C-alpha atoms as a PDB file:
ATOM      1  CA  UNK A   1       0.008  -0.004  -0.001  1.00  0.00           C
ATOM      2  CA  UNK A   2       2.779   2.472   0.846  1.00  0.00           C
ATOM      3  CA  UNK A   3       4.351   1.734  -2.547  1.00  0.00           C
ATOM      4  CA  UNK A   4       1.158   2.862  -4.303  1.00  0.00           C
ATOM      5  CA  UNK A   5       0.972   6.024  -2.157  1.00  0.00           C
ATOM      6  CA  UNK A   6       4.545   6.889  -3.047  1.00  0.00           C
ATOM      7  CA  UNK A   7       3.858   6.280  -6.720  1.00  0.00           C
ATOM      8  CA  UNK A   8       0.789   8.490  -6.649  1.00  0.00           C
ATOM      9  CA  UNK A   9       2.658  11.256  -4.775  1.00  0.00           C
ATOM     10  CA  UNK A  10       5.474  11.175  -7.380  1.00  0.00           C
ATOM     11  CA  UNK A  11       2.956  11.280 -10.226  1.00  0.00           C
ATOM     12  CA  UNK A  12       1.179  14.278  -8.712  1.00  0.00           C
ATOM     13  CA  UNK A  13       4.465  16.113  -8.040  1.00  0.00           C
ATOM     14  CA  UNK A  14       5.648  15.379 -11.550  1.00  0.00           C
ATOM     15  CA  UNK A  15       2.380  16.751 -13.038  1.00  0.00           C
ATOM     16  CA  UNK A  16       2.664  19.872 -10.830  1.00  0.00           C
ATOM     17  CA  UNK A  17       6.227  20.503 -12.003  1.00  0.00           C
ATOM     18  CA  UNK A  18       5.261  20.131 -15.667  1.00  0.00           C
ATOM     19  CA  UNK A  19       2.361  22.561 -15.245  1.00  0.00           C
ATOM     20  CA  UNK A  20       4.616  25.042 -13.446  1.00  0.00           C
ATOM     21  CA  UNK A  21       7.124  24.892 -16.295  1.00  0.00           C
ATOM     22  CA  UNK A  22       4.357  25.374 -18.880  1.00  0.00           C
ATOM     23  CA  UNK A  23       3.020  28.429 -17.012  1.00  0.00           C
ATOM     24  CA  UNK A  24       6.466  29.946 -16.730  1.00  0.00           C
ATOM     25  CA  UNK A  25       7.275  29.144 -20.382  1.00  0.00           C
ATOM     26  CA  UNK A  26       4.016  30.736 -21.535  1.00  0.00           C
ATOM     27  CA  UNK A  27       5.134  33.931 -19.743  1.00  0.00           C
ATOM     28  CA  UNK A  28       2.278  34.082 -17.241  1.00  0.00           C
ATOM     29  CA  UNK A  29       4.695  33.723 -14.355  1.00  0.00           C
ATOM     30  CA  UNK A  30       8.399  34.487 -14.052  1.00  0.00           C
ATOM     31  CA  UNK A  31      11.081  32.154 -12.768  1.00  0.00           C
ATOM     32  CA  UNK A  32      11.029  34.067  -9.524  1.00  0.00           C
ATOM     33  CA  UNK A  33       7.425  32.806  -9.044  1.00  0.00           C
ATOM     34  CA  UNK A  34       8.508  29.173  -9.047  1.00  0.00           C
ATOM     35  CA  UNK A  35       8.537  28.882  -5.267  1.00  0.00           C
ATOM     36  CA  UNK A  36       5.073  30.505  -5.005  1.00  0.00           C
ATOM     37  CA  UNK A  37       3.715  28.146  -7.655  1.00  0.00           C
ATOM     38  CA  UNK A  38       4.970  25.066  -5.831  1.00  0.00           C
ATOM     39  CA  UNK A  39       2.546  25.959  -3.002  1.00  0.00           C
ATOM     40  CA  UNK A  40      -0.420  25.634  -5.373  1.00  0.00           C
ATOM     41  CA  UNK A  41      -2.409  22.397  -5.337  1.00  0.00           C
ATOM     42  CA  UNK A  42      -2.585  20.295  -8.476  1.00  0.00           C
ATOM     43  CA  UNK A  43      -6.133  21.434  -9.012  1.00  0.00           C
ATOM     44  CA  UNK A  44      -5.131  25.095  -8.741  1.00  0.00           C
ATOM     45  CA  UNK A  45      -2.296  24.612 -11.207  1.00  0.00           C
ATOM     46  CA  UNK A  46      -4.566  22.814 -13.643  1.00  0.00           C
ATOM     47  CA  UNK A  47      -7.041  25.672 -13.372  1.00  0.00           C
ATOM     48  CA  UNK A  48      -4.283  28.226 -14.053  1.00  0.00           C
ATOM     49  CA  UNK A  49      -3.167  26.227 -17.085  1.00  0.00           C
ATOM     50  CA  UNK A  50      -6.725  25.927 -18.403  1.00  0.00           C
ATOM     51  CA  UNK A  51      -7.136  29.714 -18.061  1.00  0.00           C
ATOM     52  CA  UNK A  52      -3.818  30.260 -19.829  1.00  0.00           C
ATOM     53  CA  UNK A  53      -4.965  28.098 -22.750  1.00  0.00           C
ATOM     54  CA  UNK A  54      -8.239  30.024 -22.992  1.00  0.00           C
ATOM     55  CA  UNK A  55      -6.343  33.344 -22.985  1.00  0.00           C
ATOM     56  CA  UNK A  56      -4.126  32.033 -25.792  1.00  0.00           C
ATOM     57  CA  UNK A  57      -7.168  31.080 -27.852  1.00  0.00           C
ATOM     58  CA  UNK A  58      -8.718  34.528 -27.337  1.00  0.00           C
ATOM     59  CA  UNK A  59      -5.463  36.138 -28.506  1.00  0.00           C
ATOM     60  CA  UNK A  60      -5.674  34.167 -31.787  1.00  0.00           C
ATOM     61  CA  UNK A  61      -9.334  35.008 -32.275  1.00  0.00           C
ATOM     62  CA  UNK A  62      -8.915  38.788 -31.829  1.00  0.00           C
END
């Protein structure tokens, strides 16, 4: 059971790090915000990323 918990935790942390890198790369946050972003939950980061994608679509539509 502990093995599965550890695996899930690593998967969540990996997903969070990828989302943080995407948000920084897209220019919505600077590298100095990395520490602040690590405090976000996975759900919060996914929401930020979803909003960033919507903003990008609106930029192409305008």
